Amino acid sequence: MAAYDLEEQEQIEELKTWWKQHGNRVTAILCVVVLSLSGWQVWTWWQRTQNVQAAQVFSQLQQAAGQGDAKRSRELAGTLIEKFSGTRYAEMGAMISAKVLVDGSDTKNARAQFEWVSNNAYDKAFRDLARLRLASVLMDEGQFDEALVTLSQEPQAEFKPRFLELTGDIQASRGNMEGAKLAYEQATTLVSKSEASVDTESKRRAANYRDVILAKTDGLAASSVPTGGVETK
């Protein structure tokens, strides 16, 4: 029994010695683990709270947009951007607000919303869509160079035909018919290629869209014919 006690005491002494050497490190590691778990829980709670609050503001924005209240929509979109920019509601709210502003001819504030989304949206599709809408507004304002710069960054594949079509519209608006024709032809080619790899309904929509672009191309040819017609002898 004494031998057993002696062996046990030796183990205890070894444990004490080990703890003196490594105890601080073990304590520090345990603290980091505990703090990390606590921090993760706090972060998860904070994100959940942000999403709930942002959803409430977004719901109010949708109601204001449905009523055509541009001022209220812009204010609520500003709240989402200022307080909840880390949520998806901010980019969705800004896009909805911008549309209401465009419908109300407030292109200045609409541009600001589109620009924010194009630079800050989490989803690249939202960034591409915002640039497409922004370029369209700029074209309507006659700012053709700025509109083309907005479209110069390569979009995702599904947006490429739309970017090319709008590029053609801009070139046609500024009188560059050759540039417009080239852009329309490139858009038509991409749409035609996409028809081979989609379902029946998507093929139908793609075919309709291709026809729209072809009509614009034909319109370029018609607009280039002299108003006096062909001279006959």
Protein backbone atom coordinates (compact mmCIF):
# COMPACT_ATOMS: atom_id res chain seq x y z
CA MET A 1 0.00 0.00 0.00
CA ALA A 2 2.88 2.29 0.88
CA ALA A 3 4.52 1.49 -2.47
CA TYR A 4 1.30 2.36 -4.24
CA ASP A 5 1.08 5.66 -2.34
CA LEU A 6 4.68 6.46 -3.20
CA GLU A 7 4.05 5.79 -6.90
CA GLU A 8 0.94 7.92 -6.79
CA GLN A 9 2.83 10.76 -5.12
CA GLU A 10 5.53 10.60 -7.80
CA GLN A 11 2.85 10.91 -10.50
CA ILE A 12 1.37 13.88 -8.69
CA GLU A 13 4.77 15.55 -8.48
CA GLU A 14 5.35 14.92 -12.18
CA LEU A 15 1.97 16.44 -12.94
CA LYS A 16 2.78 19.49 -10.83
CA THR A 17 6.10 19.92 -12.61
CA TRP A 18 4.43 19.60 -16.02
CA TRP A 19 1.77 22.12 -15.05
CA LYS A 20 4.39 24.62 -13.91
CA GLN A 21 6.02 24.34 -17.32
CA HIS A 22 2.91 24.28 -19.51
CA GLY A 23 0.03 25.48 -17.36
CA ASN A 24 0.01 29.04 -18.65
CA ARG A 25 -0.03 27.86 -22.25
CA VAL A 26 -2.89 25.44 -21.62
CA THR A 27 -4.87 28.15 -19.83
CA ALA A 28 -4.31 30.55 -22.71
CA ILE A 29 -5.47 27.97 -25.26
CA LEU A 30 -8.59 27.22 -23.24
CA CYS A 31 -9.35 30.94 -22.99
CA VAL A 32 -8.99 31.35 -26.75
CA VAL A 33 -11.31 28.40 -27.38
CA VAL A 34 -13.93 29.70 -24.96
CA LEU A 35 -13.72 33.24 -26.35
CA SER A 36 -13.91 31.95 -29.92
CA LEU A 37 -17.06 29.97 -29.17
CA SER A 38 -18.59 32.93 -27.37
CA GLY A 39 -17.59 35.28 -30.19
CA TRP A 40 -19.13 32.98 -32.80
CA GLN A 41 -22.38 32.84 -30.85
CA VAL A 42 -22.44 36.62 -30.53
CA TRP A 43 -21.68 37.03 -34.25
CA THR A 44 -24.44 34.58 -35.21
CA TRP A 45 -26.91 36.36 -32.95
CA TRP A 46 -25.91 39.75 -34.35
CA GLN A 47 -26.32 38.58 -37.95
CA ARG A 48 -29.72 37.10 -37.19
CA THR A 49 -30.82 40.33 -35.53
CA GLN A 50 -29.55 42.39 -38.47
CA ASN A 51 -31.47 40.25 -40.96
CA VAL A 52 -34.70 40.47 -38.96
CA GLN A 53 -34.48 44.25 -38.65
CA ALA A 54 -33.46 44.67 -42.29
CA ALA A 55 -36.39 42.50 -43.40
CA GLN A 56 -38.78 44.82 -41.56
CA VAL A 57 -37.35 47.90 -43.27
CA PHE A 58 -37.39 46.11 -46.64
CA SER A 59 -41.06 45.24 -46.18
CA GLN A 60 -41.85 48.91 -45.58
CA LEU A 61 -39.84 49.83 -48.68
CA GLN A 62 -41.82 47.37 -50.80
CA GLN A 63 -45.06 48.93 -49.60
CA ALA A 64 -43.80 52.44 -50.38
CA ALA A 65 -42.62 51.33 -53.83
CA GLY A 66 -45.99 49.72 -54.52
CA GLN A 67 -47.63 53.05 -53.74
CA GLY A 68 -45.19 54.90 -55.99
CA ASP A 69 -43.82 56.87 -53.04
CA ALA A 70 -40.35 57.70 -54.38
CA LYS A 71 -39.31 59.85 -51.41
CA ARG A 72 -40.20 57.22 -48.82
CA SER A 73 -38.63 54.46 -50.91
CA ARG A 74 -35.38 56.41 -51.17
CA GLU A 75 -35.31 57.09 -47.42
CA LEU A 76 -35.86 53.43 -46.56
CA ALA A 77 -33.24 52.33 -49.09
CA GLY A 78 -30.86 54.78 -47.43
CA THR A 79 -31.60 53.17 -44.06
CA LEU A 80 -30.82 49.72 -45.46
CA ILE A 81 -27.56 50.94 -46.98
CA GLU A 82 -26.49 52.86 -43.88
CA LYS A 83 -27.46 50.37 -41.17
CA PHE A 84 -27.79 47.00 -42.88
CA SER A 85 -25.31 47.09 -45.76
CA GLY A 86 -24.08 43.61 -44.82
CA THR A 87 -27.44 42.05 -45.67
CA ARG A 88 -28.91 41.15 -49.05
CA TYR A 89 -31.86 43.41 -48.27
CA ALA A 90 -29.68 46.48 -48.85
CA GLU A 91 -28.90 45.66 -52.47
CA MET A 92 -32.47 44.52 -53.21
CA GLY A 93 -33.90 47.62 -51.57
CA ALA A 94 -31.59 49.93 -53.49
CA MET A 95 -32.60 48.35 -56.81
CA ILE A 96 -36.30 48.67 -56.03
CA SER A 97 -35.88 52.25 -54.88
CA ALA A 98 -33.88 53.13 -58.00
CA LYS A 99 -36.64 51.82 -60.26
CA VAL A 100 -39.24 53.95 -58.46
CA LEU A 101 -36.95 56.96 -58.78
CA VAL A 102 -36.45 56.37 -62.51
CA ASP A 103 -40.21 56.08 -62.98
CA GLY A 104 -40.51 59.41 -61.18
CA SER A 105 -37.81 61.00 -63.40
CA ASP A 106 -35.45 61.43 -60.43
CA THR A 107 -32.47 60.05 -62.31
CA LYS A 108 -29.90 61.74 -60.08
CA ASN A 109 -30.88 59.76 -56.99
CA ALA A 110 -31.56 56.66 -59.08
CA ARG A 111 -28.00 56.79 -60.37
CA ALA A 112 -26.68 56.97 -56.81
CA GLN A 113 -28.63 53.82 -55.90
CA PHE A 114 -27.47 51.93 -58.99
CA GLU A 115 -23.87 52.99 -58.39
CA TRP A 116 -23.96 51.76 -54.80
CA VAL A 117 -25.28 48.35 -55.84
CA SER A 118 -22.77 48.04 -58.70
CA ASN A 119 -19.90 48.67 -56.28
CA ASN A 120 -21.12 46.95 -53.11
CA ALA A 121 -23.58 44.15 -53.85
CA TYR A 122 -22.59 40.73 -52.55
CA ASP A 123 -24.12 39.00 -55.56
CA LYS A 124 -22.27 39.66 -58.83
CA ALA A 125 -25.55 39.28 -60.73
CA PHE A 126 -26.91 42.27 -58.82
CA ARG A 127 -23.77 44.25 -59.64
CA ASP A 128 -24.15 43.45 -63.35
CA LEU A 129 -27.86 44.29 -63.34
CA ALA A 130 -27.18 47.59 -61.57
CA ARG A 131 -24.54 48.53 -64.16
CA LEU A 132 -26.97 47.67 -66.94
CA ARG A 133 -29.66 49.90 -65.42
CA LEU A 134 -27.16 52.67 -64.71
CA ALA A 135 -25.87 52.64 -68.29
CA SER A 136 -29.45 52.84 -69.57
CA VAL A 137 -30.11 55.93 -67.44
CA LEU A 138 -26.88 57.53 -68.64
CA MET A 139 -27.82 56.84 -72.26
CA ASP A 140 -31.21 58.47 -71.78
CA GLU A 141 -29.41 61.52 -70.36
CA GLY A 142 -27.15 61.67 -73.42
CA GLN A 143 -24.01 60.73 -71.48
CA PHE A 144 -22.92 58.15 -74.01
CA ASP A 145 -19.23 57.91 -73.13
CA GLU A 146 -19.95 57.40 -69.45
CA ALA A 147 -22.59 54.81 -70.31
CA LEU A 148 -20.10 52.83 -72.40
CA VAL A 149 -17.51 52.97 -69.61
CA THR A 150 -20.13 51.59 -67.23
CA LEU A 151 -20.60 48.61 -69.55
CA SER A 152 -16.89 48.08 -70.18
CA GLN A 153 -16.31 45.69 -67.27
CA GLU A 154 -16.92 42.08 -68.31
CA PRO A 155 -20.26 40.80 -66.93
CA GLN A 156 -21.34 37.28 -66.12
CA ALA A 157 -22.13 35.16 -69.18
CA GLU A 158 -25.91 35.40 -68.81
CA PHE A 159 -25.73 39.20 -68.90
CA LYS A 160 -23.35 39.46 -71.85
CA PRO A 161 -26.04 39.64 -74.58
CA ARG A 162 -27.87 42.38 -72.65
CA PHE A 163 -24.66 44.35 -72.28
CA LEU A 164 -23.96 44.05 -76.00
CA GLU A 165 -27.53 45.00 -76.93
CA LEU A 166 -27.38 48.12 -74.76
CA THR A 167 -23.95 48.93 -76.20
CA GLY A 168 -25.58 48.80 -79.63
CA ASP A 169 -28.38 51.09 -78.44
CA ILE A 170 -25.84 53.60 -77.12
CA GLN A 171 -23.79 53.53 -80.31
CA ALA A 172 -26.93 54.01 -82.41
CA SER A 173 -28.02 56.92 -80.22
CA ARG A 174 -24.70 58.66 -80.77
CA GLY A 175 -24.85 58.03 -84.52
CA ASN A 176 -22.23 55.28 -84.71
CA MET A 177 -24.22 52.84 -86.83
CA GLU A 178 -21.27 50.56 -87.59
CA GLY A 179 -20.51 50.22 -83.88
CA ALA A 180 -24.17 49.55 -83.17
CA LYS A 181 -24.37 46.89 -85.88
CA LEU A 182 -21.28 45.11 -84.56
CA ALA A 183 -22.64 45.05 -81.01
CA TYR A 184 -26.04 43.77 -82.14
CA GLU A 185 -24.45 41.04 -84.26
CA GLN A 186 -22.31 39.90 -81.33
CA ALA A 187 -25.37 39.82 -79.08
CA THR A 188 -27.33 37.82 -81.67
CA THR A 189 -24.51 35.28 -81.95
CA LEU A 190 -24.42 34.73 -78.19
CA VAL A 191 -28.19 34.33 -77.95
CA SER A 192 -28.21 31.86 -80.85
CA LYS A 193 -25.52 29.76 -79.17
CA SER A 194 -27.45 29.70 -75.91
CA GLU A 195 -30.52 28.25 -77.65
CA ALA A 196 -28.72 24.95 -78.19
CA SER A 197 -28.18 24.29 -74.49
CA VAL A 198 -31.46 25.24 -72.78
CA ASP A 199 -34.93 23.77 -72.26
CA THR A 200 -37.87 24.35 -74.60
CA GLU A 201 -39.32 27.35 -72.76
CA SER A 202 -35.92 28.99 -72.48
CA LYS A 203 -35.34 28.37 -76.18
CA ARG A 204 -38.60 30.13 -76.98
CA ARG A 205 -37.63 33.15 -74.89
CA ALA A 206 -34.15 33.19 -76.43
CA ALA A 207 -35.64 33.07 -79.93
CA ASN A 208 -37.95 35.98 -79.13
CA TYR A 209 -35.07 37.97 -77.71
CA ARG A 210 -32.93 37.23 -80.77
CA ASP A 211 -35.75 38.52 -82.98
CA VAL A 212 -35.82 41.77 -80.98
CA ILE A 213 -32.11 42.31 -81.57
CA LEU A 214 -32.43 41.42 -85.26
CA ALA A 215 -35.22 43.98 -85.58
CA LYS A 216 -32.88 46.61 -84.15
CA THR A 217 -30.22 45.57 -86.65
CA ASP A 218 -32.72 45.89 -89.50
CA GLY A 219 -33.71 49.27 -88.12
CA LEU A 220 -30.14 50.47 -88.53
CA ALA A 221 -30.23 49.57 -92.21
CA ALA A 222 -33.54 51.37 -92.68
CA SER A 223 -32.31 54.50 -90.94
CA SER A 224 -29.26 54.65 -93.23
CA VAL A 225 -31.41 54.92 -96.38
CA PRO A 226 -31.56 58.54 -97.65
CA THR A 227 -34.90 60.17 -96.93
CA GLY A 228 -35.23 61.12 -100.60
CA GLY A 229 -35.23 57.48 -101.63
CA VAL A 230 -33.38 55.96 -104.57
CA GLU A 231 -32.90 58.34 -107.45
CA THR A 232 -34.29 57.05 -110.77
CA LYS A 233 -33.72 58.17 -114.31
